[in-house]
Amino acid sequence: MPRQGRPPLLIAVLIGIGIVVAQALLVPLFAAPATHLGPRDLPVVVAGPAPTADALAAQLPPDAFDITRAPDAAAADALLRDHEAYAAFVIGPTGPAVHTASGASPTVAQLVGQAAASMNAPVTDVAPGSPDDPRGAGFASGFLPLALTALAAGAALALLVRGHWARFTGVLVFGVLSGTVGALVLQQWLGVLTDDYLLNAAAIGLFATAVAGTVTGLGAIAGRPGIGLAVLTVFLVGNPLSAVNAAPELLPQPWGAIGQFLPIGAGGSLLRSTAFFDGAGGAGPAWVLTAYAVVGLLLALAGAVRTRRTAPVTVPAERVPAAV
């Protein structure tokens, strides 16, 4: 007599409950960071003569800003162009002025601009983003497809390609092509990126290799559950914590910092560094992505060992004794 499985009605109810539980977890994960944006140890510069600059620095909330002192506007601007701060409050002969680096974060530049308006201070953008994308919306929107296609490439290589060296090569080829084409579209066609094309292509290529390699590697050693874990970590957790459209210091902590150790957050920061700051400040994100890429590719190769160990042993037909 065949064994009876679970009733279809019970399966349907369990599926509905499971998806609603997932929804209850995902909605705050995506919405909470966006609804709680605010400066948290945001790096800024206060520049000018000591007595006046000290008084201005004392007026800034200590939990909101991480303040660096500079002697004058030129030194402050150098820090902004080196991607070491988001804005500078400069005390000059005619009063206070605000210098921003909108290339680092248009959102921060807007918030600081509002503070400047309340101070009746002029605003100068010394490290702007692309003139074709002044609000940074194109950068954030254009970065998401890079992540999605890298996830898809990694999953396809893990599920459809046999052979560890074939998967290894596939990840590298995808990374090179993704960087070449991605930078071509975002910079040459849409005008979202500026500065050196090859540097931007390298940043996108490293990001694509890190994401695709992670998915392929986990898929190689753990199958479909490994791919699911990679998608959960890289996208469902990493995307809302990435701060690609804001700044890590605007997110609730420690989530903003954690997001920079996940591929999307590190990839967005690296591409901002190459596109608007000639690579300044990009060493940390580049190392994070390199680690993901190397580990993912090594896992893809290790998956071949797992396959050999779990493969069934077959006996050649000529060695099987004939039945009597």
C-alpha atoms as a PDB file:
ATOM      1  CA  MET A   1       0.000   0.000   0.000  1.00  0.00           C
ATOM      2  CA  PRO A   2       1.590   3.351  -0.987  1.00  0.00           C
ATOM      3  CA  ARG A   3       2.611   5.698   1.783  1.00  0.00           C
ATOM      4  CA  GLN A   4       0.385   8.717   2.111  1.00  0.00           C
ATOM      5  CA  GLY A   5       2.143  12.088   1.957  1.00  0.00           C
ATOM      6  CA  ARG A   6       1.074  15.329   3.562  1.00  0.00           C
ATOM      7  CA  PRO A   7      -2.334  16.588   2.406  1.00  0.00           C
ATOM      8  CA  PRO A   8      -2.120  19.314  -0.273  1.00  0.00           C
ATOM      9  CA  LEU A   9      -4.111  21.691   1.945  1.00  0.00           C
ATOM     10  CA  LEU A  10      -1.539  21.383   4.745  1.00  0.00           C
ATOM     11  CA  ILE A  11       1.331  21.977   2.308  1.00  0.00           C
ATOM     12  CA  ALA A  12      -0.414  25.065   0.936  1.00  0.00           C
ATOM     13  CA  VAL A  13      -0.964  26.464   4.445  1.00  0.00           C
ATOM     14  CA  LEU A  14       2.652  25.802   5.459  1.00  0.00           C
ATOM     15  CA  ILE A  15       3.935  27.533   2.311  1.00  0.00           C
ATOM     16  CA  GLY A  16       1.763  30.563   3.020  1.00  0.00           C
ATOM     17  CA  ILE A  17       2.929  30.750   6.639  1.00  0.00           C
ATOM     18  CA  GLY A  18       6.595  30.364   5.682  1.00  0.00           C
ATOM     19  CA  ILE A  19       6.488  33.098   3.065  1.00  0.00           C
ATOM     20  CA  VAL A  20       4.684  35.505   5.393  1.00  0.00           C
ATOM     21  CA  VAL A  21       7.335  34.893   8.066  1.00  0.00           C
ATOM     22  CA  ALA A  22      10.017  35.641   5.469  1.00  0.00           C
ATOM     23  CA  GLN A  23       8.124  38.784   4.488  1.00  0.00           C
ATOM     24  CA  ALA A  24       7.956  39.922   8.108  1.00  0.00           C
ATOM     25  CA  LEU A  25      11.733  39.611   8.312  1.00  0.00           C
ATOM     26  CA  LEU A  26      12.581  41.118   4.921  1.00  0.00           C
ATOM     27  CA  VAL A  27      10.371  44.226   5.089  1.00  0.00           C
ATOM     28  CA  PRO A  28      12.135  45.736   8.135  1.00  0.00           C
ATOM     29  CA  LEU A  29      15.510  44.618   6.782  1.00  0.00           C
ATOM     30  CA  PHE A  30      14.957  46.705   3.649  1.00  0.00           C
ATOM     31  CA  ALA A  31      12.868  49.530   5.127  1.00  0.00           C
ATOM     32  CA  ALA A  32      14.479  50.162   8.522  1.00  0.00           C
ATOM     33  CA  PRO A  33      17.860  51.418   7.252  1.00  0.00           C
ATOM     34  CA  ALA A  34      16.142  53.845   4.869  1.00  0.00           C
ATOM     35  CA  THR A  35      13.823  55.211   7.562  1.00  0.00           C
ATOM     36  CA  HIS A  36      16.579  55.702  10.137  1.00  0.00           C
ATOM     37  CA  LEU A  37      19.110  57.622   8.081  1.00  0.00           C
ATOM     38  CA  GLY A  38      21.179  60.062  10.065  1.00  0.00           C
ATOM     39  CA  PRO A  39      24.828  60.938  10.712  1.00  0.00           C
ATOM     40  CA  ARG A  40      26.633  58.517  13.007  1.00  0.00           C
ATOM     41  CA  ASP A  41      30.343  59.310  13.378  1.00  0.00           C
ATOM     42  CA  LEU A  42      30.242  60.867   9.917  1.00  0.00           C
ATOM     43  CA  PRO A  43      33.763  62.060   8.992  1.00  0.00           C
ATOM     44  CA  VAL A  44      33.814  65.843   8.543  1.00  0.00           C
ATOM     45  CA  VAL A  45      36.481  68.535   8.676  1.00  0.00           C
ATOM     46  CA  VAL A  46      36.474  71.781  10.620  1.00  0.00           C
ATOM     47  CA  ALA A  47      39.006  74.238   9.236  1.00  0.00           C
ATOM     48  CA  GLY A  48      40.104  77.696  10.284  1.00  0.00           C
ATOM     49  CA  PRO A  49      41.741  79.674  13.111  1.00  0.00           C
ATOM     50  CA  ALA A  50      41.771  77.787  16.395  1.00  0.00           C
ATOM     51  CA  PRO A  51      39.448  79.892  18.581  1.00  0.00           C
ATOM     52  CA  THR A  52      36.646  80.237  16.053  1.00  0.00           C
ATOM     53  CA  ALA A  53      37.038  76.739  14.622  1.00  0.00           C
ATOM     54  CA  ASP A  54      37.053  75.248  18.132  1.00  0.00           C
ATOM     55  CA  ALA A  55      33.803  77.008  18.903  1.00  0.00           C
ATOM     56  CA  LEU A  56      32.212  75.683  15.715  1.00  0.00           C
ATOM     57  CA  ALA A  57      33.439  72.145  16.378  1.00  0.00           C
ATOM     58  CA  ALA A  58      31.946  72.285  19.865  1.00  0.00           C
ATOM     59  CA  GLN A  59      28.528  73.045  18.358  1.00  0.00           C
ATOM     60  CA  LEU A  60      28.524  69.867  16.250  1.00  0.00           C
ATOM     61  CA  PRO A  61      26.936  66.821  17.923  1.00  0.00           C
ATOM     62  CA  PRO A  62      29.817  64.525  18.961  1.00  0.00           C
ATOM     63  CA  ASP A  63      27.876  61.306  18.270  1.00  0.00           C
ATOM     64  CA  ALA A  64      26.876  62.487  14.804  1.00  0.00           C
ATOM     65  CA  PHE A  65      30.260  63.618  13.494  1.00  0.00           C
ATOM     66  CA  ASP A  66      33.833  62.386  13.587  1.00  0.00           C
ATOM     67  CA  ILE A  67      35.676  65.689  13.386  1.00  0.00           C
ATOM     68  CA  THR A  68      39.105  66.227  11.848  1.00  0.00           C
ATOM     69  CA  ARG A  69      40.790  69.616  12.241  1.00  0.00           C
ATOM     70  CA  ALA A  70      42.516  71.369   9.352  1.00  0.00           C
ATOM     71  CA  PRO A  71      44.364  74.708   9.324  1.00  0.00           C
ATOM     72  CA  ASP A  72      42.633  76.204   6.288  1.00  0.00           C
ATOM     73  CA  ALA A  73      40.297  75.610   3.355  1.00  0.00           C
ATOM     74  CA  ALA A  74      43.032  74.173   1.125  1.00  0.00           C
ATOM     75  CA  ALA A  75      43.887  71.470   3.656  1.00  0.00           C
ATOM     76  CA  ALA A  76      40.205  70.694   4.140  1.00  0.00           C
ATOM     77  CA  ASP A  77      39.641  70.382   0.403  1.00  0.00           C
ATOM     78  CA  ALA A  78      42.622  68.014   0.130  1.00  0.00           C
ATOM     79  CA  LEU A  79      40.990  65.713   2.694  1.00  0.00           C
ATOM     80  CA  LEU A  80      37.731  65.792   0.763  1.00  0.00           C
ATOM     81  CA  ARG A  81      39.443  64.972  -2.546  1.00  0.00           C
ATOM     82  CA  ASP A  82      41.337  62.119  -0.851  1.00  0.00           C
ATOM     83  CA  HIS A  83      37.965  60.638   0.142  1.00  0.00           C
ATOM     84  CA  GLU A  84      38.763  60.942   3.854  1.00  0.00           C
ATOM     85  CA  ALA A  85      35.740  63.085   4.753  1.00  0.00           C
ATOM     86  CA  TYR A  86      32.299  63.908   3.381  1.00  0.00           C
ATOM     87  CA  ALA A  87      32.180  67.644   4.106  1.00  0.00           C
ATOM     88  CA  ALA A  88      34.105  70.524   5.643  1.00  0.00           C
ATOM     89  CA  PHE A  89      33.020  73.485   7.726  1.00  0.00           C
ATOM     90  CA  VAL A  90      35.457  76.260   6.885  1.00  0.00           C
ATOM     91  CA  ILE A  91      35.921  79.473   8.861  1.00  0.00           C
ATOM     92  CA  GLY A  92      37.139  82.200   6.510  1.00  0.00           C
ATOM     93  CA  PRO A  93      37.596  85.977   6.595  1.00  0.00           C
ATOM     94  CA  THR A  94      33.991  86.536   5.542  1.00  0.00           C
ATOM     95  CA  GLY A  95      32.467  83.943   7.854  1.00  0.00           C
ATOM     96  CA  PRO A  96      31.642  80.231   7.698  1.00  0.00           C
ATOM     97  CA  ALA A  97      31.438  78.272   4.460  1.00  0.00           C
ATOM     98  CA  VAL A  98      30.618  74.655   3.741  1.00  0.00           C
ATOM     99  CA  HIS A  99      32.555  72.465   1.319  1.00  0.00           C
ATOM    100  CA  THR A 100      31.068  69.139   0.214  1.00  0.00           C
ATOM    101  CA  ALA A 101      32.125  66.023  -1.699  1.00  0.00           C
ATOM    102  CA  SER A 102      28.928  64.909  -3.391  1.00  0.00           C
ATOM    103  CA  GLY A 103      30.838  62.194  -5.250  1.00  0.00           C
ATOM    104  CA  ALA A 104      31.177  60.378  -1.925  1.00  0.00           C
ATOM    105  CA  SER A 105      27.467  60.667  -1.159  1.00  0.00           C
ATOM    106  CA  PRO A 106      24.892  62.997  -2.689  1.00  0.00           C
ATOM    107  CA  THR A 107      22.672  62.257   0.304  1.00  0.00           C
ATOM    108  CA  VAL A 108      25.265  63.552   2.751  1.00  0.00           C
ATOM    109  CA  ALA A 109      25.901  66.579   0.546  1.00  0.00           C
ATOM    110  CA  GLN A 110      22.191  67.365   0.633  1.00  0.00           C
ATOM    111  CA  LEU A 111      22.018  67.033   4.422  1.00  0.00           C
ATOM    112  CA  VAL A 112      25.067  69.242   4.884  1.00  0.00           C
ATOM    113  CA  GLY A 113      23.633  71.729   2.391  1.00  0.00           C
ATOM    114  CA  GLN A 114      20.535  72.038   4.568  1.00  0.00           C
ATOM    115  CA  ALA A 115      22.750  72.765   7.572  1.00  0.00           C
ATOM    116  CA  ALA A 116      24.614  75.371   5.533  1.00  0.00           C
ATOM    117  CA  ALA A 117      21.341  77.089   4.664  1.00  0.00           C
ATOM    118  CA  SER A 118      20.504  77.427   8.346  1.00  0.00           C
ATOM    119  CA  MET A 119      23.945  79.005   8.873  1.00  0.00           C
ATOM    120  CA  ASN A 120      23.602  81.312   5.836  1.00  0.00           C
ATOM    121  CA  ALA A 121      26.861  79.767   4.618  1.00  0.00           C
ATOM    122  CA  PRO A 122      27.754  79.329   0.941  1.00  0.00           C
ATOM    123  CA  VAL A 123      28.273  75.759  -0.310  1.00  0.00           C
ATOM    124  CA  THR A 124      31.111  74.646  -2.610  1.00  0.00           C
ATOM    125  CA  ASP A 125      31.265  71.138  -4.035  1.00  0.00           C
ATOM    126  CA  VAL A 126      34.973  70.344  -4.337  1.00  0.00           C
ATOM    127  CA  ALA A 127      34.620  66.635  -5.244  1.00  0.00           C
ATOM    128  CA  PRO A 128      31.424  66.311  -7.285  1.00  0.00           C
ATOM    129  CA  GLY A 129      29.924  63.236  -8.868  1.00  0.00           C
ATOM    130  CA  SER A 130      28.962  63.015 -12.509  1.00  0.00           C
ATOM    131  CA  PRO A 131      27.365  66.177 -13.934  1.00  0.00           C
ATOM    132  CA  ASP A 132      24.926  63.877 -15.780  1.00  0.00           C
ATOM    133  CA  ASP A 133      23.854  62.309 -12.470  1.00  0.00           C
ATOM    134  CA  PRO A 134      23.894  65.151  -9.906  1.00  0.00           C
ATOM    135  CA  ARG A 135      21.658  63.365  -7.374  1.00  0.00           C
ATOM    136  CA  GLY A 136      23.400  60.005  -7.651  1.00  0.00           C
ATOM    137  CA  ALA A 137      20.203  58.174  -8.572  1.00  0.00           C
ATOM    138  CA  GLY A 138      21.723  56.755 -11.740  1.00  0.00           C
ATOM    139  CA  PHE A 139      24.730  55.409  -9.842  1.00  0.00           C
ATOM    140  CA  ALA A 140      22.599  53.574  -7.284  1.00  0.00           C
ATOM    141  CA  SER A 141      20.087  52.317  -9.846  1.00  0.00           C
ATOM    142  CA  GLY A 142      22.805  51.241 -12.266  1.00  0.00           C
ATOM    143  CA  PHE A 143      24.730  49.334  -9.614  1.00  0.00           C
ATOM    144  CA  LEU A 144      21.832  47.011  -8.733  1.00  0.00           C
ATOM    145  CA  PRO A 145      21.788  45.211 -12.127  1.00  0.00           C
ATOM    146  CA  LEU A 146      25.510  44.554 -11.736  1.00  0.00           C
ATOM    147  CA  ALA A 147      24.756  42.638  -8.553  1.00  0.00           C
ATOM    148  CA  LEU A 148      21.762  40.777  -9.976  1.00  0.00           C
ATOM    149  CA  THR A 149      23.568  39.638 -13.124  1.00  0.00           C
ATOM    150  CA  ALA A 150      26.559  38.477 -11.075  1.00  0.00           C
ATOM    151  CA  LEU A 151      24.233  36.420  -8.858  1.00  0.00           C
ATOM    152  CA  ALA A 152      22.587  34.932 -11.945  1.00  0.00           C
ATOM    153  CA  ALA A 153      25.944  34.124 -13.539  1.00  0.00           C
ATOM    154  CA  GLY A 154      27.198  32.399 -10.409  1.00  0.00           C
ATOM    155  CA  ALA A 155      24.036  30.323 -10.057  1.00  0.00           C
ATOM    156  CA  ALA A 156      24.075  29.336 -13.744  1.00  0.00           C
ATOM    157  CA  LEU A 157      27.714  28.269 -13.576  1.00  0.00           C
ATOM    158  CA  ALA A 158      27.079  26.208 -10.454  1.00  0.00           C
ATOM    159  CA  LEU A 159      23.965  24.478 -11.811  1.00  0.00           C
ATOM    160  CA  LEU A 160      24.639  24.093 -15.519  1.00  0.00           C
ATOM    161  CA  VAL A 161      28.390  23.730 -15.938  1.00  0.00           C
ATOM    162  CA  ARG A 162      30.215  20.488 -15.151  1.00  0.00           C
ATOM    163  CA  GLY A 163      33.896  20.515 -14.345  1.00  0.00           C
ATOM    164  CA  HIS A 164      35.637  22.610 -11.713  1.00  0.00           C
ATOM    165  CA  TRP A 165      38.092  24.227 -14.130  1.00  0.00           C
ATOM    166  CA  ALA A 166      35.237  25.125 -16.479  1.00  0.00           C
ATOM    167  CA  ARG A 167      33.409  26.863 -13.622  1.00  0.00           C
ATOM    168  CA  PHE A 168      36.626  28.558 -12.506  1.00  0.00           C
ATOM    169  CA  THR A 169      37.237  29.865 -16.014  1.00  0.00           C
ATOM    170  CA  GLY A 170      33.600  30.877 -16.405  1.00  0.00           C
ATOM    171  CA  VAL A 171      33.746  33.087 -13.310  1.00  0.00           C
ATOM    172  CA  LEU A 172      36.907  34.822 -14.514  1.00  0.00           C
ATOM    173  CA  VAL A 173      35.572  35.351 -18.035  1.00  0.00           C
ATOM    174  CA  PHE A 174      32.323  36.743 -16.661  1.00  0.00           C
ATOM    175  CA  GLY A 175      34.219  39.114 -14.361  1.00  0.00           C
ATOM    176  CA  VAL A 176      36.342  40.525 -17.181  1.00  0.00           C
ATOM    177  CA  LEU A 177      33.398  40.936 -19.550  1.00  0.00           C
ATOM    178  CA  SER A 178      31.135  42.378 -16.850  1.00  0.00           C
ATOM    179  CA  GLY A 179      33.711  45.011 -15.966  1.00  0.00           C
ATOM    180  CA  THR A 180      34.391  45.912 -19.601  1.00  0.00           C
ATOM    181  CA  VAL A 181      30.747  46.174 -20.631  1.00  0.00           C
ATOM    182  CA  GLY A 182      29.436  47.541 -17.324  1.00  0.00           C
ATOM    183  CA  ALA A 183      31.860  50.469 -17.318  1.00  0.00           C
ATOM    184  CA  LEU A 184      31.201  51.070 -21.013  1.00  0.00           C
ATOM    185  CA  VAL A 185      27.451  51.390 -20.419  1.00  0.00           C
ATOM    186  CA  LEU A 186      27.587  53.343 -17.163  1.00  0.00           C
ATOM    187  CA  GLN A 187      30.357  55.727 -18.221  1.00  0.00           C
ATOM    188  CA  GLN A 188      30.430  56.052 -21.992  1.00  0.00           C
ATOM    189  CA  TRP A 189      26.707  55.649 -22.647  1.00  0.00           C
ATOM    190  CA  LEU A 190      24.846  56.878 -19.554  1.00  0.00           C
ATOM    191  CA  GLY A 191      27.487  59.245 -18.168  1.00  0.00           C
ATOM    192  CA  VAL A 192      26.950  58.013 -14.599  1.00  0.00           C
ATOM    193  CA  LEU A 193      30.673  57.458 -13.960  1.00  0.00           C
ATOM    194  CA  THR A 194      33.636  59.781 -14.524  1.00  0.00           C
ATOM    195  CA  ASP A 195      37.450  59.578 -14.267  1.00  0.00           C
ATOM    196  CA  ASP A 196      39.434  56.653 -15.722  1.00  0.00           C
ATOM    197  CA  TYR A 197      37.455  54.059 -17.691  1.00  0.00           C
ATOM    198  CA  LEU A 198      39.927  51.213 -17.122  1.00  0.00           C
ATOM    199  CA  LEU A 199      39.943  51.806 -13.364  1.00  0.00           C
ATOM    200  CA  ASN A 200      36.147  51.745 -13.287  1.00  0.00           C
ATOM    201  CA  ALA A 201      36.100  48.592 -15.409  1.00  0.00           C
ATOM    202  CA  ALA A 202      38.529  46.935 -13.011  1.00  0.00           C
ATOM    203  CA  ALA A 203      36.342  47.852 -10.025  1.00  0.00           C
ATOM    204  CA  ILE A 204      33.199  46.451 -11.646  1.00  0.00           C
ATOM    205  CA  GLY A 205      35.078  43.361 -12.816  1.00  0.00           C
ATOM    206  CA  LEU A 206      36.411  42.648  -9.326  1.00  0.00           C
ATOM    207  CA  PHE A 207      32.928  43.089  -7.861  1.00  0.00           C
ATOM    208  CA  ALA A 208      31.390  40.774 -10.467  1.00  0.00           C
ATOM    209  CA  THR A 209      34.071  38.142  -9.852  1.00  0.00           C
ATOM    210  CA  ALA A 210      33.536  38.351  -6.086  1.00  0.00           C
ATOM    211  CA  VAL A 211      29.767  37.868  -6.323  1.00  0.00           C
ATOM    212  CA  ALA A 212      29.745  35.243  -9.071  1.00  0.00           C
ATOM    213  CA  GLY A 213      32.654  33.401  -7.444  1.00  0.00           C
ATOM    214  CA  THR A 214      30.898  33.299  -4.076  1.00  0.00           C
ATOM    215  CA  VAL A 215      27.702  31.887  -5.577  1.00  0.00           C
ATOM    216  CA  THR A 216      29.551  29.388  -7.770  1.00  0.00           C
ATOM    217  CA  GLY A 217      31.815  28.258  -4.946  1.00  0.00           C
ATOM    218  CA  LEU A 218      29.046  27.712  -2.409  1.00  0.00           C
ATOM    219  CA  GLY A 219      26.980  26.004  -5.085  1.00  0.00           C
ATOM    220  CA  ALA A 220      29.889  23.709  -5.932  1.00  0.00           C
ATOM    221  CA  ILE A 221      30.365  22.476  -2.368  1.00  0.00           C
ATOM    222  CA  ALA A 222      26.760  22.537  -1.123  1.00  0.00           C
ATOM    223  CA  GLY A 223      24.515  22.411  -4.189  1.00  0.00           C
ATOM    224  CA  ARG A 224      21.279  24.365  -4.259  1.00  0.00           C
ATOM    225  CA  PRO A 225      21.345  25.136  -0.507  1.00  0.00           C
ATOM    226  CA  GLY A 226      24.762  26.738  -1.047  1.00  0.00           C
ATOM    227  CA  ILE A 227      23.381  28.924  -3.820  1.00  0.00           C
ATOM    228  CA  GLY A 228      20.486  29.915  -1.567  1.00  0.00           C
ATOM    229  CA  LEU A 229      22.891  30.846   1.226  1.00  0.00           C
ATOM    230  CA  ALA A 230      24.934  32.974  -1.176  1.00  0.00           C
ATOM    231  CA  VAL A 231      21.865  34.827  -2.451  1.00  0.00           C
ATOM    232  CA  LEU A 232      20.651  35.366   1.129  1.00  0.00           C
ATOM    233  CA  THR A 233      24.003  36.767   2.257  1.00  0.00           C
ATOM    234  CA  VAL A 234      24.970  38.767  -0.815  1.00  0.00           C
ATOM    235  CA  PHE A 235      21.614  40.250  -1.798  1.00  0.00           C
ATOM    236  CA  LEU A 236      18.844  39.865   0.776  1.00  0.00           C
ATOM    237  CA  VAL A 237      21.133  40.932   3.637  1.00  0.00           C
ATOM    238  CA  GLY A 238      23.897  42.757   1.793  1.00  0.00           C
ATOM    239  CA  ASN A 239      21.798  45.016  -0.436  1.00  0.00           C
ATOM    240  CA  PRO A 240      19.838  46.926   2.260  1.00  0.00           C
ATOM    241  CA  LEU A 241      23.030  47.311   4.323  1.00  0.00           C
ATOM    242  CA  SER A 242      25.170  48.403   1.372  1.00  0.00           C
ATOM    243  CA  ALA A 243      24.394  52.148   1.577  1.00  0.00           C
ATOM    244  CA  VAL A 244      25.078  52.434  -2.156  1.00  0.00           C
ATOM    245  CA  ASN A 245      22.555  55.292  -2.393  1.00  0.00           C
ATOM    246  CA  ALA A 246      23.546  56.930   0.917  1.00  0.00           C
ATOM    247  CA  ALA A 247      26.644  56.419   3.105  1.00  0.00           C
ATOM    248  CA  PRO A 248      27.543  53.701   5.632  1.00  0.00           C
ATOM    249  CA  GLU A 249      27.763  56.298   8.395  1.00  0.00           C
ATOM    250  CA  LEU A 250      24.115  57.228   7.842  1.00  0.00           C
ATOM    251  CA  LEU A 251      22.827  53.738   8.644  1.00  0.00           C
ATOM    252  CA  PRO A 252      22.168  52.460  12.169  1.00  0.00           C
ATOM    253  CA  GLN A 253      25.330  50.932  13.572  1.00  0.00           C
ATOM    254  CA  PRO A 254      26.830  48.398  13.473  1.00  0.00           C
ATOM    255  CA  TRP A 255      24.800  47.583  10.340  1.00  0.00           C
ATOM    256  CA  GLY A 256      26.411  50.260   8.207  1.00  0.00           C
ATOM    257  CA  ALA A 257      29.869  48.922   9.031  1.00  0.00           C
ATOM    258  CA  ILE A 258      28.800  45.303   8.519  1.00  0.00           C
ATOM    259  CA  GLY A 259      27.436  46.177   5.088  1.00  0.00           C
ATOM    260  CA  GLN A 260      30.903  47.289   3.976  1.00  0.00           C
ATOM    261  CA  PHE A 261      32.208  43.773   4.609  1.00  0.00           C
ATOM    262  CA  LEU A 262      29.620  42.298   2.226  1.00  0.00           C
ATOM    263  CA  PRO A 263      30.141  42.361  -1.553  1.00  0.00           C
ATOM    264  CA  ILE A 264      27.521  44.944  -2.570  1.00  0.00           C
ATOM    265  CA  GLY A 265      28.584  47.470   0.060  1.00  0.00           C
ATOM    266  CA  ALA A 266      32.270  47.016  -0.729  1.00  0.00           C
ATOM    267  CA  GLY A 267      31.578  47.104  -4.479  1.00  0.00           C
ATOM    268  CA  GLY A 268      29.622  50.345  -4.287  1.00  0.00           C
ATOM    269  CA  SER A 269      32.325  52.012  -2.183  1.00  0.00           C
ATOM    270  CA  LEU A 270      35.087  50.849  -4.511  1.00  0.00           C
ATOM    271  CA  LEU A 271      33.286  52.104  -7.616  1.00  0.00           C
ATOM    272  CA  ARG A 272      32.702  55.513  -6.001  1.00  0.00           C
ATOM    273  CA  SER A 273      36.404  55.697  -5.224  1.00  0.00           C
ATOM    274  CA  THR A 274      37.459  54.895  -8.787  1.00  0.00           C
ATOM    275  CA  ALA A 275      34.745  56.967 -10.478  1.00  0.00           C
ATOM    276  CA  PHE A 276      35.024  60.201  -8.491  1.00  0.00           C
ATOM    277  CA  PHE A 277      38.262  60.118  -6.446  1.00  0.00           C
ATOM    278  CA  ASP A 278      40.861  58.518  -8.771  1.00  0.00           C
ATOM    279  CA  GLY A 279      40.828  55.424  -6.557  1.00  0.00           C
ATOM    280  CA  ALA A 280      41.462  57.228  -3.256  1.00  0.00           C
ATOM    281  CA  GLY A 281      39.907  55.388  -0.342  1.00  0.00           C
ATOM    282  CA  GLY A 282      39.341  52.241  -2.379  1.00  0.00           C
ATOM    283  CA  ALA A 283      42.000  49.958  -0.873  1.00  0.00           C
ATOM    284  CA  GLY A 284      39.794  48.574   1.902  1.00  0.00           C
ATOM    285  CA  PRO A 285      36.815  47.699  -0.337  1.00  0.00           C
ATOM    286  CA  ALA A 286      39.168  46.223  -2.933  1.00  0.00           C
ATOM    287  CA  TRP A 287      40.672  43.854  -0.366  1.00  0.00           C
ATOM    288  CA  VAL A 288      37.210  42.787   0.801  1.00  0.00           C
ATOM    289  CA  LEU A 289      36.142  41.962  -2.757  1.00  0.00           C
ATOM    290  CA  THR A 290      39.427  40.205  -3.465  1.00  0.00           C
ATOM    291  CA  ALA A 291      38.869  37.974  -0.441  1.00  0.00           C
ATOM    292  CA  TYR A 292      35.390  37.001  -1.642  1.00  0.00           C
ATOM    293  CA  ALA A 293      36.675  36.337  -5.161  1.00  0.00           C
ATOM    294  CA  VAL A 294      39.616  34.189  -4.029  1.00  0.00           C
ATOM    295  CA  VAL A 295      37.597  32.184  -1.497  1.00  0.00           C
ATOM    296  CA  GLY A 296      34.769  31.662  -3.992  1.00  0.00           C
ATOM    297  CA  LEU A 297      37.137  30.404  -6.690  1.00  0.00           C
ATOM    298  CA  LEU A 298      38.885  28.092  -4.215  1.00  0.00           C
ATOM    299  CA  LEU A 299      35.528  26.692  -3.122  1.00  0.00           C
ATOM    300  CA  ALA A 300      34.668  26.073  -6.767  1.00  0.00           C
ATOM    301  CA  LEU A 301      37.825  23.989  -7.063  1.00  0.00           C
ATOM    302  CA  ALA A 302      37.172  22.272  -3.730  1.00  0.00           C
ATOM    303  CA  GLY A 303      33.757  21.257  -5.022  1.00  0.00           C
ATOM    304  CA  ALA A 304      35.515  18.919  -7.450  1.00  0.00           C
ATOM    305  CA  VAL A 305      37.058  17.047  -4.511  1.00  0.00           C
ATOM    306  CA  ARG A 306      33.610  16.704  -2.930  1.00  0.00           C
ATOM    307  CA  THR A 307      32.194  15.400  -6.215  1.00  0.00           C
ATOM    308  CA  ARG A 308      34.896  12.747  -6.529  1.00  0.00           C
ATOM    309  CA  ARG A 309      34.428  11.575  -2.956  1.00  0.00           C
ATOM    310  CA  THR A 310      30.649  11.250  -3.269  1.00  0.00           C
ATOM    311  CA  ALA A 311      30.552   9.771  -6.768  1.00  0.00           C
ATOM    312  CA  PRO A 312      29.257   6.179  -6.848  1.00  0.00           C
ATOM    313  CA  VAL A 313      31.787   3.463  -7.597  1.00  0.00           C
ATOM    314  CA  THR A 314      30.878   1.457 -10.662  1.00  0.00           C
ATOM    315  CA  VAL A 315      32.188  -1.981 -11.512  1.00  0.00           C
ATOM    316  CA  PRO A 316      32.998  -2.654 -15.170  1.00  0.00           C
ATOM    317  CA  ALA A 317      30.596  -5.080 -16.751  1.00  0.00           C
ATOM    318  CA  GLU A 318      33.328  -7.562 -17.698  1.00  0.00           C
ATOM    319  CA  ARG A 319      34.287  -7.935 -14.020  1.00  0.00           C
ATOM    320  CA  VAL A 320      30.806  -8.834 -12.819  1.00  0.00           C
ATOM    321  CA  PRO A 321      30.577 -12.650 -12.340  1.00  0.00           C
ATOM    322  CA  ALA A 322      27.990 -14.314 -14.490  1.00  0.00           C
ATOM    323  CA  ALA A 323      24.949 -15.699 -12.753  1.00  0.00           C
ATOM    324  CA  VAL A 324      24.917 -19.502 -12.435  1.00  0.00           C
END
